[in-house]
Amino acid sequence: MNNGLKTVAIAVALMVASGTASAMGDKELAKAMAKQSGLSTAQAEQAIAAFKAIVVAQVKTGEAVRLKGFGKFTLKETKAHKGRNPKTGETITIPARNHLRFKAFQGVKDQLNPKK
């Protein structure tokens, strides 16, 4: 993992842990990252775009992306299955799909749910 990606991962982890990342879009995330990391907003936006592209490309190959002390991104494949149209009651086939999954590591879970 290169230094720019490490900076993004650390900034995102810190914001998630501090509770400032709720309902945040790319621009707001970039501004917060820039403020916290010393990057310019444009650099932070580029880092976010690169991070997203790298994660998607990596999980498409079937490999997980692990961020030490934070969590991992994986690909979850859902098989095609039967479903029902709620309006008509008609049985339909729901096609197979791929989903991006994130699982937080224990350290992040502990930060989100501190022991009292």
N, C-alpha and C. Protein backbone atom coordinates (compact mmCIF):
# COMPACT_ATOMS: atom_id res chain seq x y z
N MET A 1 0.85 -1.18 0.00
CA MET A 1 0.00 0.00 0.00
C MET A 1 0.90 1.24 0.00
N ASN A 2 0.64 2.19 -0.93
CA ASN A 2 1.49 3.37 -0.99
C ASN A 2 1.14 4.37 0.12
N ASN A 3 2.00 5.37 0.31
CA ASN A 3 1.82 6.33 1.41
C ASN A 3 0.55 7.14 1.29
N GLY A 4 0.16 7.52 0.06
CA GLY A 4 -1.08 8.28 -0.12
C GLY A 4 -2.29 7.48 0.31
N LEU A 5 -2.31 6.19 -0.05
CA LEU A 5 -3.42 5.33 0.32
C LEU A 5 -3.43 5.10 1.84
N LYS A 6 -2.24 4.99 2.44
CA LYS A 6 -2.17 4.85 3.89
C LYS A 6 -2.72 6.09 4.57
N THR A 7 -2.40 7.25 4.03
CA THR A 7 -2.91 8.51 4.59
C THR A 7 -4.43 8.54 4.54
N VAL A 8 -4.99 8.13 3.41
CA VAL A 8 -6.45 8.08 3.26
C VAL A 8 -7.06 7.13 4.27
N ALA A 9 -6.48 5.93 4.38
CA ALA A 9 -7.01 4.92 5.30
C ALA A 9 -6.97 5.42 6.74
N ILE A 10 -5.87 6.05 7.12
CA ILE A 10 -5.75 6.57 8.49
C ILE A 10 -6.75 7.68 8.73
N ALA A 11 -6.88 8.59 7.78
CA ALA A 11 -7.83 9.70 7.94
C ALA A 11 -9.26 9.19 8.03
N VAL A 12 -9.62 8.23 7.19
CA VAL A 12 -10.97 7.67 7.24
C VAL A 12 -11.20 6.96 8.56
N ALA A 13 -10.22 6.18 9.01
CA ALA A 13 -10.35 5.47 10.29
C ALA A 13 -10.54 6.46 11.44
N LEU A 14 -9.77 7.53 11.45
CA LEU A 14 -9.90 8.53 12.52
C LEU A 14 -11.26 9.20 12.49
N MET A 15 -11.76 9.50 11.29
CA MET A 15 -13.06 10.16 11.20
C MET A 15 -14.19 9.23 11.60
N VAL A 16 -14.10 7.97 11.22
CA VAL A 16 -15.12 7.01 11.61
C VAL A 16 -15.11 6.86 13.12
N ALA A 17 -13.93 6.75 13.70
CA ALA A 17 -13.81 6.57 15.15
C ALA A 17 -14.31 7.79 15.90
N SER A 18 -14.12 8.98 15.32
CA SER A 18 -14.54 10.19 16.02
C SER A 18 -16.00 10.53 15.76
N GLY A 19 -16.65 9.79 14.85
CA GLY A 19 -18.07 10.01 14.60
C GLY A 19 -18.34 11.14 13.63
N THR A 20 -17.32 11.66 12.90
CA THR A 20 -17.55 12.80 12.01
C THR A 20 -17.89 12.37 10.59
N ALA A 21 -17.94 11.08 10.30
CA ALA A 21 -18.14 10.63 8.92
C ALA A 21 -19.58 10.24 8.61
N SER A 22 -20.52 10.49 9.50
CA SER A 22 -21.89 10.07 9.23
C SER A 22 -22.52 10.94 8.15
N ALA A 23 -23.19 10.31 7.19
CA ALA A 23 -23.89 10.98 6.10
C ALA A 23 -23.00 11.99 5.40
N MET A 24 -21.76 11.60 5.17
CA MET A 24 -20.79 12.49 4.56
C MET A 24 -20.58 12.09 3.11
N GLY A 25 -20.61 13.06 2.21
CA GLY A 25 -20.33 12.81 0.81
C GLY A 25 -18.84 12.95 0.52
N ASP A 26 -18.46 12.71 -0.72
CA ASP A 26 -17.06 12.77 -1.11
C ASP A 26 -16.43 14.13 -0.81
N LYS A 27 -17.11 15.20 -1.16
CA LYS A 27 -16.54 16.55 -0.96
C LYS A 27 -16.34 16.85 0.53
N GLU A 28 -17.33 16.49 1.35
CA GLU A 28 -17.19 16.73 2.79
C GLU A 28 -16.08 15.87 3.38
N LEU A 29 -16.00 14.63 2.92
CA LEU A 29 -14.93 13.74 3.37
C LEU A 29 -13.58 14.29 2.97
N ALA A 30 -13.45 14.78 1.74
CA ALA A 30 -12.19 15.35 1.26
C ALA A 30 -11.79 16.57 2.09
N LYS A 31 -12.76 17.42 2.40
CA LYS A 31 -12.46 18.61 3.22
C LYS A 31 -11.98 18.20 4.61
N ALA A 32 -12.66 17.24 5.22
CA ALA A 32 -12.28 16.78 6.56
C ALA A 32 -10.91 16.11 6.52
N MET A 33 -10.65 15.31 5.49
CA MET A 33 -9.34 14.66 5.36
C MET A 33 -8.24 15.69 5.17
N ALA A 34 -8.51 16.69 4.35
CA ALA A 34 -7.52 17.74 4.10
C ALA A 34 -7.19 18.46 5.39
N LYS A 35 -8.19 18.78 6.15
CA LYS A 35 -8.00 19.50 7.42
C LYS A 35 -7.18 18.65 8.40
N GLN A 36 -7.48 17.37 8.48
CA GLN A 36 -6.85 16.49 9.46
C GLN A 36 -5.47 16.00 9.03
N SER A 37 -5.24 15.88 7.72
CA SER A 37 -3.99 15.26 7.26
C SER A 37 -2.96 16.23 6.71
N GLY A 38 -3.36 17.45 6.42
CA GLY A 38 -2.44 18.40 5.83
C GLY A 38 -2.42 18.36 4.32
N LEU A 39 -3.20 17.49 3.71
CA LEU A 39 -3.33 17.46 2.25
C LEU A 39 -4.20 18.62 1.81
N SER A 40 -4.10 19.01 0.54
CA SER A 40 -5.05 19.98 0.00
C SER A 40 -6.36 19.24 -0.25
N THR A 41 -7.44 20.00 -0.39
CA THR A 41 -8.73 19.38 -0.68
C THR A 41 -8.68 18.63 -2.00
N ALA A 42 -8.01 19.19 -2.99
CA ALA A 42 -7.90 18.53 -4.30
C ALA A 42 -7.12 17.22 -4.17
N GLN A 43 -6.04 17.23 -3.39
CA GLN A 43 -5.27 16.00 -3.18
C GLN A 43 -6.11 14.96 -2.46
N ALA A 44 -6.87 15.39 -1.48
CA ALA A 44 -7.74 14.46 -0.74
C ALA A 44 -8.80 13.87 -1.66
N GLU A 45 -9.38 14.70 -2.55
CA GLU A 45 -10.38 14.19 -3.50
C GLU A 45 -9.75 13.16 -4.43
N GLN A 46 -8.52 13.42 -4.89
CA GLN A 46 -7.83 12.47 -5.76
C GLN A 46 -7.53 11.18 -5.00
N ALA A 47 -7.14 11.30 -3.74
CA ALA A 47 -6.84 10.11 -2.93
C ALA A 47 -8.09 9.27 -2.71
N ILE A 48 -9.22 9.92 -2.46
CA ILE A 48 -10.48 9.19 -2.28
C ILE A 48 -10.86 8.46 -3.56
N ALA A 49 -10.77 9.16 -4.69
CA ALA A 49 -11.10 8.53 -5.98
C ALA A 49 -10.18 7.35 -6.26
N ALA A 50 -8.88 7.51 -5.97
CA ALA A 50 -7.93 6.41 -6.18
C ALA A 50 -8.23 5.25 -5.25
N PHE A 51 -8.55 5.55 -4.00
CA PHE A 51 -8.87 4.51 -3.02
C PHE A 51 -10.07 3.69 -3.49
N LYS A 52 -11.13 4.36 -3.92
CA LYS A 52 -12.33 3.66 -4.38
C LYS A 52 -12.03 2.79 -5.60
N ALA A 53 -11.27 3.33 -6.55
CA ALA A 53 -10.94 2.58 -7.76
C ALA A 53 -10.10 1.35 -7.42
N ILE A 54 -9.15 1.51 -6.52
CA ILE A 54 -8.28 0.39 -6.13
C ILE A 54 -9.09 -0.69 -5.43
N VAL A 55 -9.96 -0.31 -4.51
CA VAL A 55 -10.77 -1.29 -3.77
C VAL A 55 -11.66 -2.07 -4.74
N VAL A 56 -12.35 -1.38 -5.63
CA VAL A 56 -13.25 -2.05 -6.58
C VAL A 56 -12.46 -2.98 -7.49
N ALA A 57 -11.35 -2.50 -8.03
CA ALA A 57 -10.55 -3.34 -8.93
C ALA A 57 -10.02 -4.57 -8.22
N GLN A 58 -9.58 -4.41 -6.98
CA GLN A 58 -9.01 -5.53 -6.23
C GLN A 58 -10.08 -6.57 -5.88
N VAL A 59 -11.24 -6.14 -5.38
CA VAL A 59 -12.26 -7.12 -4.98
C VAL A 59 -12.87 -7.79 -6.20
N LYS A 60 -12.88 -7.12 -7.36
CA LYS A 60 -13.37 -7.76 -8.58
C LYS A 60 -12.53 -8.97 -8.96
N THR A 61 -11.27 -8.98 -8.56
CA THR A 61 -10.40 -10.12 -8.84
C THR A 61 -10.61 -11.25 -7.83
N GLY A 62 -11.42 -11.00 -6.81
CA GLY A 62 -11.67 -12.01 -5.78
C GLY A 62 -10.78 -11.87 -4.57
N GLU A 63 -9.90 -10.88 -4.57
CA GLU A 63 -9.00 -10.66 -3.44
C GLU A 63 -9.58 -9.61 -2.49
N ALA A 64 -9.36 -9.80 -1.20
CA ALA A 64 -9.82 -8.84 -0.20
C ALA A 64 -8.84 -7.68 -0.11
N VAL A 65 -9.34 -6.53 0.34
CA VAL A 65 -8.49 -5.38 0.65
C VAL A 65 -8.56 -5.20 2.16
N ARG A 66 -7.41 -5.35 2.81
CA ARG A 66 -7.34 -5.25 4.27
C ARG A 66 -6.62 -3.97 4.65
N LEU A 67 -7.21 -3.21 5.56
CA LEU A 67 -6.59 -2.02 6.11
C LEU A 67 -6.25 -2.31 7.56
N LYS A 68 -4.97 -2.45 7.84
CA LYS A 68 -4.49 -2.86 9.16
C LYS A 68 -5.14 -2.01 10.25
N GLY A 69 -5.72 -2.68 11.23
CA GLY A 69 -6.34 -2.00 12.36
C GLY A 69 -7.70 -1.39 12.05
N PHE A 70 -8.21 -1.58 10.83
CA PHE A 70 -9.48 -0.95 10.46
C PHE A 70 -10.51 -1.97 10.02
N GLY A 71 -10.26 -2.70 8.92
CA GLY A 71 -11.22 -3.68 8.45
C GLY A 71 -10.85 -4.17 7.07
N LYS A 72 -11.76 -4.94 6.47
CA LYS A 72 -11.47 -5.46 5.13
C LYS A 72 -12.70 -5.36 4.24
N PHE A 73 -12.41 -5.15 2.96
CA PHE A 73 -13.42 -5.10 1.91
C PHE A 73 -13.34 -6.42 1.16
N THR A 74 -14.48 -7.03 0.89
CA THR A 74 -14.54 -8.28 0.15
C THR A 74 -15.70 -8.24 -0.83
N LEU A 75 -15.68 -9.21 -1.75
CA LEU A 75 -16.76 -9.36 -2.72
C LEU A 75 -17.69 -10.46 -2.24
N LYS A 76 -18.97 -10.18 -2.22
CA LYS A 76 -19.98 -11.16 -1.84
C LYS A 76 -20.81 -11.45 -3.07
N GLU A 77 -20.84 -12.71 -3.48
CA GLU A 77 -21.62 -13.10 -4.64
C GLU A 77 -22.97 -13.65 -4.18
N THR A 78 -24.04 -13.09 -4.73
CA THR A 78 -25.38 -13.58 -4.45
C THR A 78 -25.85 -14.36 -5.67
N LYS A 79 -26.26 -15.60 -5.48
CA LYS A 79 -26.74 -16.42 -6.59
C LYS A 79 -28.11 -15.96 -7.06
N ALA A 80 -28.45 -16.30 -8.27
CA ALA A 80 -29.79 -16.02 -8.78
C ALA A 80 -30.80 -16.81 -7.94
N HIS A 81 -31.93 -16.20 -7.69
CA HIS A 81 -32.95 -16.88 -6.88
C HIS A 81 -34.34 -16.37 -7.25
N LYS A 82 -35.33 -17.10 -6.80
CA LYS A 82 -36.72 -16.74 -7.07
C LYS A 82 -37.17 -15.69 -6.06
N GLY A 83 -37.99 -14.77 -6.52
CA GLY A 83 -38.57 -13.75 -5.67
C GLY A 83 -39.99 -13.49 -6.11
N ARG A 84 -40.63 -12.55 -5.46
CA ARG A 84 -42.02 -12.23 -5.79
C ARG A 84 -42.16 -10.72 -5.95
N ASN A 85 -42.82 -10.32 -7.04
CA ASN A 85 -43.12 -8.91 -7.25
C ASN A 85 -44.19 -8.52 -6.23
N PRO A 86 -43.88 -7.57 -5.33
CA PRO A 86 -44.85 -7.24 -4.28
C PRO A 86 -46.14 -6.60 -4.80
N LYS A 87 -46.09 -5.95 -5.95
CA LYS A 87 -47.29 -5.32 -6.50
C LYS A 87 -48.24 -6.33 -7.12
N THR A 88 -47.68 -7.27 -7.90
CA THR A 88 -48.52 -8.19 -8.66
C THR A 88 -48.58 -9.59 -8.05
N GLY A 89 -47.63 -9.92 -7.20
CA GLY A 89 -47.57 -11.26 -6.65
C GLY A 89 -46.92 -12.25 -7.60
N GLU A 90 -46.50 -11.78 -8.77
CA GLU A 90 -45.89 -12.63 -9.78
C GLU A 90 -44.52 -13.12 -9.31
N THR A 91 -44.23 -14.40 -9.58
CA THR A 91 -42.92 -14.96 -9.26
C THR A 91 -41.92 -14.50 -10.31
N ILE A 92 -40.78 -14.02 -9.87
CA ILE A 92 -39.75 -13.55 -10.78
C ILE A 92 -38.41 -14.17 -10.41
N THR A 93 -37.48 -14.14 -11.36
CA THR A 93 -36.13 -14.59 -11.08
C THR A 93 -35.26 -13.37 -10.83
N ILE A 94 -34.64 -13.31 -9.67
CA ILE A 94 -33.74 -12.22 -9.32
C ILE A 94 -32.35 -12.66 -9.77
N PRO A 95 -31.70 -11.89 -10.64
CA PRO A 95 -30.41 -12.32 -11.19
C PRO A 95 -29.29 -12.34 -10.15
N ALA A 96 -28.24 -13.09 -10.45
CA ALA A 96 -27.06 -13.13 -9.59
C ALA A 96 -26.42 -11.75 -9.58
N ARG A 97 -25.84 -11.37 -8.42
CA ARG A 97 -25.22 -10.04 -8.29
C ARG A 97 -23.99 -10.14 -7.41
N ASN A 98 -23.13 -9.17 -7.57
CA ASN A 98 -21.97 -9.02 -6.70
C ASN A 98 -22.18 -7.81 -5.80
N HIS A 99 -21.76 -7.93 -4.54
CA HIS A 99 -21.91 -6.87 -3.56
C HIS A 99 -20.57 -6.61 -2.89
N LEU A 100 -20.29 -5.35 -2.61
CA LEU A 100 -19.10 -5.00 -1.86
C LEU A 100 -19.44 -5.07 -0.38
N ARG A 101 -18.64 -5.82 0.36
CA ARG A 101 -18.86 -5.96 1.80
C ARG A 101 -17.68 -5.38 2.55
N PHE A 102 -17.97 -4.78 3.71
CA PHE A 102 -16.91 -4.29 4.59
C PHE A 102 -17.14 -4.91 5.97
N LYS A 103 -16.06 -5.43 6.54
CA LYS A 103 -16.13 -5.97 7.89
C LYS A 103 -15.10 -5.25 8.74
N ALA A 104 -15.56 -4.58 9.78
CA ALA A 104 -14.66 -3.86 10.67
C ALA A 104 -13.90 -4.84 11.55
N PHE A 105 -12.62 -4.52 11.79
CA PHE A 105 -11.82 -5.32 12.70
C PHE A 105 -12.20 -4.97 14.15
N GLN A 106 -11.78 -5.82 15.07
CA GLN A 106 -12.18 -5.68 16.47
C GLN A 106 -11.81 -4.32 17.07
N GLY A 107 -10.66 -3.77 16.72
CA GLY A 107 -10.25 -2.47 17.26
C GLY A 107 -11.24 -1.37 16.92
N VAL A 108 -11.76 -1.38 15.71
CA VAL A 108 -12.76 -0.39 15.30
C VAL A 108 -14.07 -0.65 16.02
N LYS A 109 -14.45 -1.90 16.13
CA LYS A 109 -15.68 -2.25 16.86
C LYS A 109 -15.60 -1.77 18.30
N ASP A 110 -14.43 -1.93 18.91
CA ASP A 110 -14.25 -1.49 20.30
C ASP A 110 -14.35 0.04 20.41
N GLN A 111 -13.84 0.76 19.40
CA GLN A 111 -13.96 2.22 19.40
C GLN A 111 -15.40 2.67 19.25
N LEU A 112 -16.16 1.92 18.45
CA LEU A 112 -17.57 2.27 18.23
C LEU A 112 -18.45 1.88 19.41
N ASN A 113 -18.03 0.88 20.17
CA ASN A 113 -18.80 0.38 21.31
C ASN A 113 -17.89 0.29 22.53
N PRO A 114 -17.52 1.46 23.11
CA PRO A 114 -16.61 1.42 24.25
C PRO A 114 -17.26 0.74 25.47
N LYS A 115 -16.42 0.05 26.19
CA LYS A 115 -16.93 -0.60 27.41
C LYS A 115 -17.15 0.44 28.48
N LYS A 116 -18.22 0.28 29.21
CA LYS A 116 -18.56 1.28 30.24
C LYS A 116 -18.11 0.84 31.60
